[in-house]
PDB file of N, CA and C in Angstrom:
ATOM      1  N   MET A   1       0.508  -1.047   0.367  1.00  0.00           N
ATOM      2  CA  MET A   1       0.246  -0.222  -0.313  1.00  0.00           C
ATOM      3  C   MET A   1       0.822   1.623  -0.273  1.00  0.00           C
ATOM      4  N   PHE A   2       2.156   1.192   0.919  1.00  0.00           N
ATOM      5  CA  PHE A   2       2.774   2.520   1.015  1.00  0.00           C
ATOM      6  C   PHE A   2       3.278   2.530  -0.698  1.00  0.00           C
ATOM      7  N   VAL A   3       3.576   1.564  -1.006  1.00  0.00           N
ATOM      8  CA  VAL A   3       4.193   1.940  -2.972  1.00  0.00           C
ATOM      9  C   VAL A   3       3.188   2.999  -3.789  1.00  0.00           C
ATOM     10  N   SER A   4       1.851   2.598  -3.597  1.00  0.00           N
ATOM     11  CA  SER A   4       0.883   3.835  -4.344  1.00  0.00           C
ATOM     12  C   SER A   4       0.630   4.501  -3.839  1.00  0.00           C
ATOM     13  N   LEU A   5       0.795   4.863  -2.126  1.00  0.00           N
ATOM     14  CA  LEU A   5       1.033   6.072  -1.629  1.00  0.00           C
ATOM     15  C   LEU A   5       2.060   7.004  -2.385  1.00  0.00           C
ATOM     16  N   ALA A   6       3.533   6.205  -2.839  1.00  0.00           N
ATOM     17  CA  ALA A   6       4.125   6.724  -3.079  1.00  0.00           C
ATOM     18  C   ALA A   6       4.480   7.603  -4.482  1.00  0.00           C
ATOM     19  N   VAL A   7       3.787   6.938  -5.212  1.00  0.00           N
ATOM     20  CA  VAL A   7       3.019   6.461  -6.609  1.00  0.00           C
ATOM     21  C   VAL A   7       2.261   8.102  -6.610  1.00  0.00           C
ATOM     22  N   LEU A   8       1.341   7.873  -6.181  1.00  0.00           N
ATOM     23  CA  LEU A   8       0.338   9.055  -6.419  1.00  0.00           C
ATOM     24  C   LEU A   8       0.775   9.991  -5.601  1.00  0.00           C
ATOM     25  N   THR A   9       1.793  10.311  -4.418  1.00  0.00           N
ATOM     26  CA  THR A   9       2.249  11.468  -4.158  1.00  0.00           C
ATOM     27  C   THR A   9       2.910  12.359  -5.305  1.00  0.00           C
ATOM     28  N   VAL A  10       3.977  11.259  -5.384  1.00  0.00           N
ATOM     29  CA  VAL A  10       5.131  11.854  -6.631  1.00  0.00           C
ATOM     30  C   VAL A  10       4.462  11.908  -7.878  1.00  0.00           C
ATOM     31  N   PHE A  11       3.036  11.768  -8.074  1.00  0.00           N
ATOM     32  CA  PHE A  11       2.073  12.585  -9.457  1.00  0.00           C
ATOM     33  C   PHE A  11       1.375  14.075  -9.118  1.00  0.00           C
ATOM     34  N   VAL A  12       1.173  13.830  -8.333  1.00  0.00           N
ATOM     35  CA  VAL A  12       0.130  14.692  -7.585  1.00  0.00           C
ATOM     36  C   VAL A  12       1.527  15.959  -7.392  1.00  0.00           C
ATOM     37  N   SER A  13       2.773  15.761  -6.908  1.00  0.00           N
ATOM     38  CA  SER A  13       3.386  16.659  -6.085  1.00  0.00           C
ATOM     39  C   SER A  13       3.621  17.296  -7.734  1.00  0.00           C
ATOM     40  N   ALA A  14       4.001  16.487  -8.963  1.00  0.00           N
ATOM     41  CA  ALA A  14       4.338  16.866 -10.320  1.00  0.00           C
ATOM     42  C   ALA A  14       3.399  18.029 -10.862  1.00  0.00           C
ATOM     43  N   VAL A  15       2.144  17.325 -10.552  1.00  0.00           N
ATOM     44  CA  VAL A  15       1.429  18.065 -11.062  1.00  0.00           C
ATOM     45  C   VAL A  15       1.049  19.701 -10.313  1.00  0.00           C
ATOM     46  N   LEU A  16       1.390  19.489  -8.822  1.00  0.00           N
ATOM     47  CA  LEU A  16       1.174  20.294  -8.898  1.00  0.00           C
ATOM     48  C   LEU A  16       2.487  21.685  -8.939  1.00  0.00           C
ATOM     49  N   LEU A  17       3.796  20.938  -9.395  1.00  0.00           N
ATOM     50  CA  LEU A  17       5.031  22.320  -9.026  1.00  0.00           C
ATOM     51  C   LEU A  17       4.767  22.529 -10.606  1.00  0.00           C
ATOM     52  N   VAL A  18       4.627  21.273 -11.482  1.00  0.00           N
ATOM     53  CA  VAL A  18       3.954  22.248 -12.982  1.00  0.00           C
ATOM     54  C   VAL A  18       3.340  23.370 -13.136  1.00  0.00           C
ATOM     55  N   SER A  19       1.721  23.195 -12.632  1.00  0.00           N
ATOM     56  CA  SER A  19       0.578  23.744 -12.051  1.00  0.00           C
ATOM     57  C   SER A  19       1.524  25.116 -11.977  1.00  0.00           C
ATOM     58  N   ALA A  20       2.006  25.119 -10.591  1.00  0.00           N
ATOM     59  CA  ALA A  20       2.902  26.465  -9.902  1.00  0.00           C
ATOM     60  C   ALA A  20       4.213  26.845 -10.575  1.00  0.00           C
ATOM     61  N   GLY A  21       4.632  26.300 -11.395  1.00  0.00           N
ATOM     62  CA  GLY A  21       5.206  26.594 -12.315  1.00  0.00           C
ATOM     63  C   GLY A  21       4.199  27.543 -13.382  1.00  0.00           C
ATOM     64  N   ALA A  22       3.606  27.157 -14.242  1.00  0.00           N
ATOM     65  CA  ALA A  22       2.444  27.884 -14.875  1.00  0.00           C
ATOM     66  C   ALA A  22       2.288  29.508 -14.344  1.00  0.00           C
ATOM     67  N   LYS A  23       1.650  29.640 -12.840  1.00  0.00           N
ATOM     68  CA  LYS A  23       0.995  30.383 -12.366  1.00  0.00           C
ATOM     69  C   LYS A  23       2.316  31.385 -12.371  1.00  0.00           C
ATOM     70  N   SER A  24       3.426  31.233 -12.187  1.00  0.00           N
ATOM     71  CA  SER A  24       4.022  32.034 -11.479  1.00  0.00           C
ATOM     72  C   SER A  24       5.077  32.684 -13.082  1.00  0.00           C
ATOM     73  N   LEU A  25       4.984  31.910 -14.011  1.00  0.00           N
ATOM     74  CA  LEU A  25       5.313  32.323 -15.103  1.00  0.00           C
ATOM     75  C   LEU A  25       4.204  33.298 -15.808  1.00  0.00           C
ATOM     76  N   ARG A  26       3.194  33.381 -15.799  1.00  0.00           N
ATOM     77  CA  ARG A  26       1.841  34.372 -15.723  1.00  0.00           C
ATOM     78  C   ARG A  26       1.611  33.634 -17.378  1.00  0.00           C
ATOM     79  N   THR A  27       1.413  32.410 -17.487  1.00  0.00           N
ATOM     80  CA  THR A  27       1.299  32.046 -19.339  1.00  0.00           C
ATOM     81  C   THR A  27       0.202  33.002 -19.371  1.00  0.00           C
ATOM     82  N   ARG A  28      -0.152  32.908 -20.510  1.00  0.00           N
ATOM     83  CA  ARG A  28      -1.615  33.629 -21.296  1.00  0.00           C
ATOM     84  C   ARG A  28      -2.320  32.739 -21.307  1.00  0.00           C
ATOM     85  N   HIS A  29      -2.531  31.100 -21.140  1.00  0.00           N
ATOM     86  CA  HIS A  29      -3.618  30.037 -21.077  1.00  0.00           C
ATOM     87  C   HIS A  29      -3.911  30.733 -19.641  1.00  0.00           C
ATOM     88  N   ILE A  30      -2.693  30.806 -18.735  1.00  0.00           N
ATOM     89  CA  ILE A  30      -3.197  30.243 -17.094  1.00  0.00           C
ATOM     90  C   ILE A  30      -4.176  31.789 -17.052  1.00  0.00           C
ATOM     91  N   THR A  31      -3.578  32.881 -17.715  1.00  0.00           N
ATOM     92  CA  THR A  31      -3.362  33.912 -16.709  1.00  0.00           C
ATOM     93  C   THR A  31      -5.148  34.211 -17.647  1.00  0.00           C
ATOM     94  N   GLU A  32      -5.651  34.165 -18.587  1.00  0.00           N
ATOM     95  CA  GLU A  32      -7.158  33.614 -19.412  1.00  0.00           C
ATOM     96  C   GLU A  32      -7.848  33.225 -19.166  1.00  0.00           C
ATOM     97  N   GLN A  33      -7.461  31.877 -18.555  1.00  0.00           N
ATOM     98  CA  GLN A  33      -8.051  31.013 -17.504  1.00  0.00           C
ATOM     99  C   GLN A  33      -8.685  31.358 -15.782  1.00  0.00           C
ATOM    100  N   MET A  34      -7.303  32.375 -15.597  1.00  0.00           N
ATOM    101  CA  MET A  34      -8.298  32.767 -14.021  1.00  0.00           C
ATOM    102  C   MET A  34      -8.906  34.056 -14.248  1.00  0.00           C
ATOM    103  N   SER A  35      -8.991  34.528 -15.500  1.00  0.00           N
ATOM    104  CA  SER A  35      -9.454  36.010 -15.444  1.00  0.00           C
ATOM    105  C   SER A  35     -11.067  35.544 -15.474  1.00  0.00           C
ATOM    106  N   THR A  36     -10.769  34.538 -16.544  1.00  0.00           N
ATOM    107  CA  THR A  36     -12.365  33.363 -16.949  1.00  0.00           C
ATOM    108  C   THR A  36     -13.439  33.258 -15.870  1.00  0.00           C
ATOM    109  N   LEU A  37     -12.365  32.347 -14.257  1.00  0.00           N
ATOM    110  CA  LEU A  37     -13.041  32.258 -12.995  1.00  0.00           C
ATOM    111  C   LEU A  37     -12.956  33.201 -12.386  1.00  0.00           C
ATOM    112  N   GLY A  38     -12.306  34.551 -12.407  1.00  0.00           N
ATOM    113  CA  GLY A  38     -12.949  35.967 -12.220  1.00  0.00           C
ATOM    114  C   GLY A  38     -11.965  36.136 -10.368  1.00  0.00           C
ATOM    115  N   VAL A  39     -10.668  34.884 -10.660  1.00  0.00           N
ATOM    116  CA  VAL A  39      -9.369  35.161  -9.614  1.00  0.00           C
ATOM    117  C   VAL A  39      -8.726  36.425  -9.589  1.00  0.00           C
ATOM    118  N   PRO A  40      -8.504  36.853  -8.574  1.00  0.00           N
ATOM    119  CA  PRO A  40      -7.658  38.266  -9.086  1.00  0.00           C
ATOM    120  C   PRO A  40      -6.599  37.889  -9.364  1.00  0.00           C
ATOM    121  N   GLU A  41      -5.584  38.968  -9.835  1.00  0.00           N
ATOM    122  CA  GLU A  41      -4.712  38.889 -10.130  1.00  0.00           C
ATOM    123  C   GLU A  41      -3.658  38.126  -8.704  1.00  0.00           C
ATOM    124  N   GLY A  42      -3.899  39.166  -8.239  1.00  0.00           N
ATOM    125  CA  GLY A  42      -2.593  39.252  -6.732  1.00  0.00           C
ATOM    126  C   GLY A  42      -3.159  37.855  -5.884  1.00  0.00           C
ATOM    127  N   MET A  43      -3.926  36.880  -6.767  1.00  0.00           N
ATOM    128  CA  MET A  43      -4.332  35.665  -5.452  1.00  0.00           C
ATOM    129  C   MET A  43      -3.219  34.496  -6.113  1.00  0.00           C
ATOM    130  N   MET A  44      -2.604  35.177  -7.267  1.00  0.00           N
ATOM    131  CA  MET A  44      -2.043  33.462  -8.584  1.00  0.00           C
ATOM    132  C   MET A  44      -0.494  33.965  -7.437  1.00  0.00           C
ATOM    133  N   ALA A  45      -0.328  34.868  -6.239  1.00  0.00           N
ATOM    134  CA  ALA A  45       1.042  34.094  -6.017  1.00  0.00           C
ATOM    135  C   ALA A  45       0.872  33.135  -4.614  1.00  0.00           C
ATOM    136  N   PHE A  46      -0.220  33.760  -4.488  1.00  0.00           N
ATOM    137  CA  PHE A  46      -1.291  33.030  -3.266  1.00  0.00           C
ATOM    138  C   PHE A  46      -1.248  31.261  -3.132  1.00  0.00           C
ATOM    139  N   LEU A  47      -1.861  31.419  -4.360  1.00  0.00           N
ATOM    140  CA  LEU A  47      -2.260  29.694  -5.505  1.00  0.00           C
ATOM    141  C   LEU A  47      -0.827  29.340  -5.413  1.00  0.00           C
ATOM    142  N   THR A  48      -0.240  29.834  -5.975  1.00  0.00           N
ATOM    143  CA  THR A  48       1.326  29.738  -6.657  1.00  0.00           C
ATOM    144  C   THR A  48       1.860  28.863  -5.253  1.00  0.00           C
ATOM    145  N   GLY A  49       1.968  29.479  -4.231  1.00  0.00           N
ATOM    146  CA  GLY A  49       2.450  29.409  -2.935  1.00  0.00           C
ATOM    147  C   GLY A  49       1.676  28.022  -2.101  1.00  0.00           C
ATOM    148  N   ALA A  50       0.719  28.082  -2.039  1.00  0.00           N
ATOM    149  CA  ALA A  50      -0.650  26.984  -1.899  1.00  0.00           C
ATOM    150  C   ALA A  50      -0.054  25.554  -2.389  1.00  0.00           C
ATOM    151  N   GLN A  51       0.175  25.734  -3.878  1.00  0.00           N
ATOM    152  CA  GLN A  51       0.453  24.471  -4.348  1.00  0.00           C
ATOM    153  C   GLN A  51       2.171  23.842  -4.532  1.00  0.00           C
ATOM    154  N   VAL A  52       3.162  24.673  -4.193  1.00  0.00           N
ATOM    155  CA  VAL A  52       4.023  24.639  -3.671  1.00  0.00           C
ATOM    156  C   VAL A  52       4.379  23.967  -2.170  1.00  0.00           C
ATOM    157  N   ALA A  53       3.606  24.264  -1.774  1.00  0.00           N
ATOM    158  CA  ALA A  53       3.508  23.779   0.281  1.00  0.00           C
ATOM    159  C   ALA A  53       2.597  22.897  -0.118  1.00  0.00           C
ATOM    160  N   GLY A  54       1.566  22.397  -1.074  1.00  0.00           N
ATOM    161  CA  GLY A  54       0.939  21.287  -1.099  1.00  0.00           C
ATOM    162  C   GLY A  54       1.667  20.097  -1.234  1.00  0.00           C
ATOM    163  N   ALA A  55       3.033  20.334  -2.537  1.00  0.00           N
ATOM    164  CA  ALA A  55       3.721  19.344  -3.258  1.00  0.00           C
ATOM    165  C   ALA A  55       4.693  19.228  -2.024  1.00  0.00           C
ATOM    166  N   ALA A  56       5.350  20.094  -1.096  1.00  0.00           N
ATOM    167  CA  ALA A  56       6.038  19.634  -0.384  1.00  0.00           C
ATOM    168  C   ALA A  56       5.793  19.017   0.686  1.00  0.00           C
ATOM    169  N   GLY A  57       4.504  19.500   1.475  1.00  0.00           N
ATOM    170  CA  GLY A  57       3.678  18.477   2.586  1.00  0.00           C
ATOM    171  C   GLY A  57       3.689  16.466   2.293  1.00  0.00           C
ATOM    172  N   ALA A  58       2.502  17.063   0.832  1.00  0.00           N
ATOM    173  CA  ALA A  58       2.781  15.601   0.674  1.00  0.00           C
ATOM    174  C   ALA A  58       3.745  14.982   0.218  1.00  0.00           C
ATOM    175  N   ILE A  59       5.056  15.341   0.202  1.00  0.00           N
ATOM    176  CA  ILE A  59       6.694  14.858  -0.367  1.00  0.00           C
ATOM    177  C   ILE A  59       6.884  14.600   1.234  1.00  0.00           C
ATOM    178  N   ALA A  60       6.637  15.484   2.192  1.00  0.00           N
ATOM    179  CA  ALA A  60       7.102  15.319   3.142  1.00  0.00           C
ATOM    180  C   ALA A  60       6.319  14.269   4.426  1.00  0.00           C
ATOM    181  N   GLY A  61       4.973  14.432   3.803  1.00  0.00           N
ATOM    182  CA  GLY A  61       4.573  13.176   4.616  1.00  0.00           C
ATOM    183  C   GLY A  61       4.394  12.025   4.546  1.00  0.00           C
ATOM    184  N   LEU A  62       5.639  11.726   3.642  1.00  0.00           N
ATOM    185  CA  LEU A  62       5.841  10.016   2.926  1.00  0.00           C
ATOM    186  C   LEU A  62       6.932  10.111   4.224  1.00  0.00           C
ATOM    187  N   ARG A  63       7.582  10.262   4.978  1.00  0.00           N
ATOM    188  CA  ARG A  63       7.872  10.476   5.902  1.00  0.00           C
ATOM    189  C   ARG A  63       7.399  10.792   6.958  1.00  0.00           C
ATOM    190  N   TRP A  64       6.632  11.370   7.013  1.00  0.00           N
ATOM    191  CA  TRP A  64       5.698  12.205   8.285  1.00  0.00           C
ATOM    192  C   TRP A  64       4.700  12.277   8.402  1.00  0.00           C
ATOM    193  N   GLY A  65       3.352  11.242   8.630  1.00  0.00           N
ATOM    194  CA  GLY A  65       2.527  10.685   8.514  1.00  0.00           C
ATOM    195  C   GLY A  65       1.833  11.704   8.871  1.00  0.00           C
ATOM    196  N   PRO A  66       0.846  12.373   9.911  1.00  0.00           N
ATOM    197  CA  PRO A  66       0.630  13.305  10.167  1.00  0.00           C
ATOM    198  C   PRO A  66       0.773  14.755   9.006  1.00  0.00           C
ATOM    199  N   VAL A  67       1.520  15.033   8.608  1.00  0.00           N
ATOM    200  CA  VAL A  67       2.265  15.665   7.928  1.00  0.00           C
ATOM    201  C   VAL A  67       1.443  15.849   6.282  1.00  0.00           C
ATOM    202  N   GLY A  68       1.955  14.691   5.932  1.00  0.00           N
ATOM    203  CA  GLY A  68       0.830  14.397   4.537  1.00  0.00           C
ATOM    204  C   GLY A  68      -0.426  14.129   4.815  1.00  0.00           C
ATOM    205  N   ILE A  69      -0.416  13.926   5.717  1.00  0.00           N
ATOM    206  CA  ILE A  69      -2.438  13.655   6.333  1.00  0.00           C
ATOM    207  C   ILE A  69      -3.072  15.359   5.806  1.00  0.00           C
ATOM    208  N   ALA A  70      -2.392  16.131   6.902  1.00  0.00           N
ATOM    209  CA  ALA A  70      -2.693  17.623   6.681  1.00  0.00           C
ATOM    210  C   ALA A  70      -2.223  18.127   5.735  1.00  0.00           C
ATOM    211  N   ALA A  71      -1.822  17.853   4.724  1.00  0.00           N
ATOM    212  CA  ALA A  71      -1.158  18.530   3.328  1.00  0.00           C
ATOM    213  C   ALA A  71      -2.553  17.889   2.241  1.00  0.00           C
ATOM    214  N   ALA A  72      -2.460  16.536   1.999  1.00  0.00           N
ATOM    215  CA  ALA A  72      -3.586  15.544   1.622  1.00  0.00           C
ATOM    216  C   ALA A  72      -5.124  16.955   2.190  1.00  0.00           C
ATOM    217  N   ILE A  73      -5.727  16.839   3.184  1.00  0.00           N
ATOM    218  CA  ILE A  73      -6.395  17.668   3.858  1.00  0.00           C
ATOM    219  C   ILE A  73      -6.574  19.371   3.017  1.00  0.00           C
ATOM    220  N   GLY A  74      -5.401  19.898   2.283  1.00  0.00           N
ATOM    221  CA  GLY A  74      -5.601  21.182   2.403  1.00  0.00           C
ATOM    222  C   GLY A  74      -5.063  20.849   0.715  1.00  0.00           C
ATOM    223  N   LEU A  75      -4.559  20.438   0.338  1.00  0.00           N
ATOM    224  CA  LEU A  75      -5.084  19.617  -1.061  1.00  0.00           C
ATOM    225  C   LEU A  75      -6.632  19.716  -1.333  1.00  0.00           C
ATOM    226  N   THR A  76      -7.038  18.598  -1.104  1.00  0.00           N
ATOM    227  CA  THR A  76      -8.567  18.497  -1.176  1.00  0.00           C
ATOM    228  C   THR A  76      -9.434  19.619  -0.882  1.00  0.00           C
ATOM    229  N   LEU A  77      -9.416  20.857  -0.184  1.00  0.00           N
ATOM    230  CA  LEU A  77      -9.810  21.654  -0.232  1.00  0.00           C
ATOM    231  C   LEU A  77      -9.640  22.872  -1.289  1.00  0.00           C
ATOM    232  N   TYR A  78      -8.166  22.446  -1.878  1.00  0.00           N
ATOM    233  CA  TYR A  78      -7.992  23.491  -2.630  1.00  0.00           C
ATOM    234  C   TYR A  78      -8.483  22.976  -3.856  1.00  0.00           C
ATOM    235  N   PHE A  79      -8.604  21.684  -4.098  1.00  0.00           N
ATOM    236  CA  PHE A  79      -8.973  21.576  -5.741  1.00  0.00           C
ATOM    237  C   PHE A  79     -10.756  21.608  -5.127  1.00  0.00           C
ATOM    238  N   ALA A  80     -11.332  21.209  -4.273  1.00  0.00           N
ATOM    239  CA  ALA A  80     -12.828  21.548  -4.248  1.00  0.00           C
ATOM    240  C   ALA A  80     -13.207  22.731  -4.766  1.00  0.00           C
ATOM    241  N   GLY A  81     -11.969  23.675  -4.565  1.00  0.00           N
ATOM    242  CA  GLY A  81     -12.170  25.586  -4.358  1.00  0.00           C
ATOM    243  C   GLY A  81     -12.358  25.303  -5.827  1.00  0.00           C
ATOM    244  N   ALA A  82     -11.415  24.769  -6.168  1.00  0.00           N
ATOM    245  CA  ALA A  82     -10.910  24.826  -7.965  1.00  0.00           C
ATOM    246  C   ALA A  82     -12.140  24.377  -8.161  1.00  0.00           C
ATOM    247  N   VAL A  83     -12.577  23.106  -7.980  1.00  0.00           N
ATOM    248  CA  VAL A  83     -13.877  23.087  -9.163  1.00  0.00           C
ATOM    249  C   VAL A  83     -14.799  23.617  -9.226  1.00  0.00           C
ATOM    250  N   ALA A  84     -15.384  24.687  -7.847  1.00  0.00           N
ATOM    251  CA  ALA A  84     -16.114  25.319  -7.492  1.00  0.00           C
ATOM    252  C   ALA A  84     -16.490  26.692  -8.271  1.00  0.00           C
ATOM    253  N   PHE A  85     -15.086  26.775  -8.279  1.00  0.00           N
ATOM    254  CA  PHE A  85     -14.537  28.238  -9.318  1.00  0.00           C
ATOM    255  C   PHE A  85     -15.158  27.920 -10.610  1.00  0.00           C
ATOM    256  N   HIS A  86     -15.147  27.138 -10.981  1.00  0.00           N
ATOM    257  CA  HIS A  86     -14.847  26.108 -12.819  1.00  0.00           C
ATOM    258  C   HIS A  86     -16.562  26.027 -12.900  1.00  0.00           C
ATOM    259  N   LEU A  87     -16.898  25.298 -11.782  1.00  0.00           N
ATOM    260  CA  LEU A  87     -18.206  25.648 -11.952  1.00  0.00           C
ATOM    261  C   LEU A  87     -19.377  26.563 -12.014  1.00  0.00           C
ATOM    262  N   ARG A  88     -18.987  27.121 -10.758  1.00  0.00           N
ATOM    263  CA  ARG A  88     -19.560  28.672 -11.211  1.00  0.00           C
ATOM    264  C   ARG A  88     -19.661  29.139 -12.098  1.00  0.00           C
ATOM    265  N   VAL A  89     -18.612  29.560 -12.784  1.00  0.00           N
ATOM    266  CA  VAL A  89     -18.863  30.158 -14.321  1.00  0.00           C
ATOM    267  C   VAL A  89     -19.373  28.945 -15.710  1.00  0.00           C
ATOM    268  N   GLY A  90     -19.921  27.897 -15.513  1.00  0.00           N
ATOM    269  CA  GLY A  90     -20.149  27.020 -16.210  1.00  0.00           C
ATOM    270  C   GLY A  90     -19.245  26.210 -17.396  1.00  0.00           C
ATOM    271  N   ASP A  91     -17.740  26.870 -16.676  1.00  0.00           N
ATOM    272  CA  ASP A  91     -16.331  25.681 -17.387  1.00  0.00           C
ATOM    273  C   ASP A  91     -16.506  23.993 -16.392  1.00  0.00           C
ATOM    274  N   ARG A  92     -17.240  23.157 -17.207  1.00  0.00           N
ATOM    275  CA  ARG A  92     -17.311  21.340 -16.949  1.00  0.00           C
ATOM    276  C   ARG A  92     -15.823  20.991 -17.438  1.00  0.00           C
ATOM    277  N   LYS A  93     -15.140  21.629 -19.105  1.00  0.00           N
ATOM    278  CA  LYS A  93     -14.352  20.977 -19.143  1.00  0.00           C
ATOM    279  C   LYS A  93     -13.573  21.613 -18.674  1.00  0.00           C
ATOM    280  N   GLY A  94     -13.323  23.089 -18.228  1.00  0.00           N
ATOM    281  CA  GLY A  94     -11.947  23.208 -16.853  1.00  0.00           C
ATOM    282  C   GLY A  94     -11.697  22.341 -15.852  1.00  0.00           C
ATOM    283  N   ALA A  95     -13.743  22.242 -15.851  1.00  0.00           N
ATOM    284  CA  ALA A  95     -13.462  21.606 -13.911  1.00  0.00           C
ATOM    285  C   ALA A  95     -12.878  19.772 -13.788  1.00  0.00           C
ATOM    286  N   LEU A  96     -13.655  19.042 -15.043  1.00  0.00           N
ATOM    287  CA  LEU A  96     -13.067  17.650 -15.061  1.00  0.00           C
ATOM    288  C   LEU A  96     -11.856  17.955 -14.433  1.00  0.00           C
ATOM    289  N   PRO A  97     -10.263  18.225 -14.481  1.00  0.00           N
ATOM    290  CA  PRO A  97      -9.121  18.307 -13.996  1.00  0.00           C
ATOM    291  C   PRO A  97      -8.262  17.719 -12.590  1.00  0.00           C
ATOM    292  N   ALA A  98      -9.286  19.291 -12.608  1.00  0.00           N
ATOM    293  CA  ALA A  98      -9.405  20.112 -10.886  1.00  0.00           C
ATOM    294  C   ALA A  98     -10.381  18.481  -9.895  1.00  0.00           C
ATOM    295  N   VAL A  99     -11.768  18.020 -10.727  1.00  0.00           N
ATOM    296  CA  VAL A  99     -12.141  16.469  -9.947  1.00  0.00           C
ATOM    297  C   VAL A  99     -11.082  15.764 -10.226  1.00  0.00           C
ATOM    298  N   VAL A 100     -10.302  15.544 -10.526  1.00  0.00           N
ATOM    299  CA  VAL A 100      -9.200  14.485 -10.152  1.00  0.00           C
ATOM    300  C   VAL A 100      -8.546  13.992  -9.733  1.00  0.00           C
ATOM    301  N   LEU A 101      -8.111  15.268  -9.328  1.00  0.00           N
ATOM    302  CA  LEU A 101      -7.365  16.055  -8.392  1.00  0.00           C
ATOM    303  C   LEU A 101      -7.661  16.362  -7.241  1.00  0.00           C
ATOM    304  N   THR A 102      -9.069  16.361  -7.403  1.00  0.00           N
ATOM    305  CA  THR A 102      -9.650  16.595  -5.673  1.00  0.00           C
ATOM    306  C   THR A 102     -10.032  14.836  -5.337  1.00  0.00           C
ATOM    307  N   VAL A 103     -10.093  14.183  -6.464  1.00  0.00           N
ATOM    308  CA  VAL A 103      -9.943  12.277  -5.899  1.00  0.00           C
ATOM    309  C   VAL A 103      -8.973  12.059  -5.686  1.00  0.00           C
ATOM    310  N   ALA A 104      -7.980  12.246  -6.548  1.00  0.00           N
ATOM    311  CA  ALA A 104      -6.887  12.392  -6.246  1.00  0.00           C
ATOM    312  C   ALA A 104      -6.243  12.404  -4.437  1.00  0.00           C
ATOM    313  N   SER A 105      -6.678  13.808  -4.574  1.00  0.00           N
ATOM    314  CA  SER A 105      -6.172  13.944  -2.756  1.00  0.00           C
ATOM    315  C   SER A 105      -6.609  13.292  -1.922  1.00  0.00           C
ATOM    316  N   VAL A 106      -8.208  12.769  -2.181  1.00  0.00           N
ATOM    317  CA  VAL A 106      -8.237  12.500  -0.741  1.00  0.00           C
ATOM    318  C   VAL A 106      -8.303  10.626  -1.100  1.00  0.00           C
ATOM    319  N   ALA A 107      -7.853  10.468  -2.175  1.00  0.00           N
ATOM    320  CA  ALA A 107      -7.470   9.240  -1.712  1.00  0.00           C
ATOM    321  C   ALA A 107      -5.904   9.164  -1.639  1.00  0.00           C
ATOM    322  N   LEU A 108      -5.367  10.177  -1.328  1.00  0.00           N
ATOM    323  CA  LEU A 108      -3.897  10.522  -0.559  1.00  0.00           C
ATOM    324  C   LEU A 108      -4.145  10.367   1.004  1.00  0.00           C
ATOM    325  N   ILE A 109      -5.479  10.826   0.930  1.00  0.00           N
ATOM    326  CA  ILE A 109      -5.675  11.013   2.517  1.00  0.00           C
ATOM    327  C   ILE A 109      -5.600   9.948   3.225  1.00  0.00           C
ATOM    328  N   MET A 110      -6.573   8.882   2.520  1.00  0.00           N
ATOM    329  CA  MET A 110      -6.513   7.511   3.057  1.00  0.00           C
ATOM    330  C   MET A 110      -5.398   6.479   2.880  1.00  0.00           C
ATOM    331  N   LEU A 111      -4.571   6.793   1.618  1.00  0.00           N
ATOM    332  CA  LEU A 111      -3.390   6.220   1.912  1.00  0.00           C
ATOM    333  C   LEU A 111      -2.766   6.077   2.959  1.00  0.00           C
ATOM    334  N   ARG A 112      -2.530   7.905   3.104  1.00  0.00           N
ATOM    335  CA  ARG A 112      -1.301   7.848   4.220  1.00  0.00           C
ATOM    336  C   ARG A 112      -2.029   7.414   5.487  1.00  0.00           C
ATOM    337  N   ALA A 113      -3.103   7.671   6.040  1.00  0.00           N
ATOM    338  CA  ALA A 113      -4.479   7.001   6.779  1.00  0.00           C
ATOM    339  C   ALA A 113      -4.409   5.513   7.265  1.00  0.00           C
ATOM    340  N   ALA A 114      -3.838   4.492   6.069  1.00  0.00           N
ATOM    341  CA  ALA A 114      -3.974   3.039   6.094  1.00  0.00           C
ATOM    342  C   ALA A 114      -2.362   3.111   6.386  1.00  0.00           C
ATOM    343  N   THR A 115      -1.281   4.018   6.352  1.00  0.00           N
ATOM    344  CA  THR A 115      -0.027   3.537   6.237  1.00  0.00           C
ATOM    345  C   THR A 115       0.518   3.371   7.279  1.00  0.00           C
ATOM    346  N   LEU A 116      -0.148   4.716   8.360  1.00  0.00           N
ATOM    347  CA  LEU A 116       0.570   4.901   9.153  1.00  0.00           C
ATOM    348  C   LEU A 116       0.857   4.200  10.991  1.00  0.00           C
TER     349      LEU A 116
END
């Protein structure tokens, strides 16, 4: 079970870091998407920081279980918020990746709790 946790943790952390990189570079796609979702420009640094912290916490959680659970709870809330923002503006296509990452974050919670 720990191997599944490690694989999922690495996958989610990689996705988070790629997304954080795109946000920090203010790529055109991300800037347009955030504008469509109604996310203020000033929130980009916060969202980037939250993603980097989530990735770091998930990785650290492989060694220290409670940290991993806390990080996964934070990621679940982060991605559930992303789903809500996408659905609020009718962006079902954009909500799908956030739904997948919400489910993956919940799986991280369950796997980490099961391997304590």
